[in-house]
Amino acid sequence: MKTTIDISDTLLREAKKLAAREGVTLRTLVERGLHRVVAETKQTPRFKLRRASFKGKGLQADVRDASWETIRDLAYEGRGS
């Protein structure tokens, strides 16, 4: 199947040089690359964040309406500069 893609001139020049060095067509080189990317994507499991919640009642009343900066400063109070 034919298709058109837009890639940088630099990348195209490098790809053509590589294809010539390896004695293959640009099409073959592009297909190899696409096959690799597709295979890597299939092999890499999606990251799943473990459940780390706990039973609580949310933020303490004195910080419930505080800004993120205030909460962060309180969390790091006494640690570092």
Protein backbone atom coordinates (compact mmCIF):
# COMPACT_ATOMS: atom_id res chain seq x y z
CA MET A 1 0.00 0.00 0.00
CA LYS A 2 1.28 3.46 -0.80
CA THR A 3 1.20 6.29 1.68
CA THR A 4 2.77 9.68 2.16
CA ILE A 5 4.54 10.80 5.31
CA ASP A 6 6.20 14.04 6.26
CA ILE A 7 9.66 13.65 7.84
CA SER A 8 12.57 15.99 8.25
CA ASP A 9 15.04 16.34 5.40
CA THR A 10 17.90 15.41 7.71
CA LEU A 11 16.24 12.17 8.80
CA LEU A 12 15.43 11.25 5.22
CA ARG A 13 19.04 11.82 4.12
CA GLU A 14 20.33 9.69 7.01
CA ALA A 15 17.82 6.95 6.24
CA LYS A 16 18.78 6.90 2.55
CA LYS A 17 22.49 6.67 3.45
CA LEU A 18 21.80 3.83 5.87
CA ALA A 19 19.69 1.97 3.32
CA ALA A 20 22.46 2.32 0.72
CA ARG A 21 25.10 1.09 3.19
CA GLU A 22 22.97 -1.93 4.04
CA GLY A 23 22.06 -2.56 0.41
CA VAL A 24 18.31 -2.32 1.01
CA THR A 25 15.59 -0.02 -0.22
CA LEU A 26 14.28 2.89 1.80
CA ARG A 27 10.96 1.05 1.92
CA THR A 28 12.61 -1.97 3.54
CA LEU A 29 14.36 0.22 6.08
CA VAL A 30 11.13 2.03 7.00
CA GLU A 31 9.23 -1.26 7.28
CA ARG A 32 11.92 -2.69 9.59
CA GLY A 33 11.66 0.36 11.81
CA LEU A 34 7.89 0.23 11.95
CA HIS A 35 7.93 -3.51 12.71
CA ARG A 36 10.35 -2.85 15.60
CA VAL A 37 8.25 -0.08 17.10
CA VAL A 38 5.06 -2.12 16.82
CA ALA A 39 6.77 -5.16 18.41
CA GLU A 40 8.20 -3.07 21.28
CA THR A 41 4.80 -1.59 21.97
CA LYS A 42 3.23 -5.04 22.17
CA GLN A 43 5.97 -6.35 24.48
CA THR A 44 5.99 -3.44 26.90
CA PRO A 45 3.29 -3.90 29.50
CA ARG A 46 1.33 -0.80 30.35
CA PHE A 47 2.34 0.78 33.63
CA LYS A 48 -0.27 0.29 36.29
CA LEU A 49 -0.04 2.35 39.45
CA ARG A 50 -0.64 0.20 42.48
CA ARG A 51 -3.51 1.17 44.72
CA ALA A 52 -2.03 3.19 47.56
CA SER A 53 -5.11 4.79 49.06
CA PHE A 54 -6.00 4.44 52.70
CA LYS A 55 -9.05 5.01 54.82
CA GLY A 56 -9.01 8.52 56.14
CA LYS A 57 -11.00 11.68 56.32
CA GLY A 58 -9.06 13.74 53.81
CA LEU A 59 -6.87 16.69 54.65
CA GLN A 60 -6.76 18.13 58.12
CA ALA A 61 -9.09 21.07 58.62
CA ASP A 62 -6.27 23.62 58.88
CA VAL A 63 -4.95 22.75 55.41
CA ARG A 64 -8.15 21.69 53.66
CA ASP A 65 -8.48 25.02 51.83
CA ALA A 66 -4.74 25.73 51.56
CA SER A 67 -2.97 26.20 48.24
CA TRP A 68 -0.78 23.45 46.82
CA GLU A 69 2.30 25.54 47.59
CA THR A 70 1.31 25.78 51.27
CA ILE A 71 0.64 22.04 51.51
CA ARG A 72 3.95 21.28 49.79
CA ASP A 73 5.84 23.63 52.12
CA LEU A 74 4.27 21.94 55.15
CA ALA A 75 5.16 18.48 53.79
CA TYR A 76 8.79 19.48 53.31
CA GLU A 77 9.09 21.57 56.47
CA GLY A 78 12.40 20.87 58.19
CA ARG A 79 13.79 18.91 55.23
CA GLY A 80 16.54 20.62 53.32
CA SER A 81 16.72 24.32 52.62
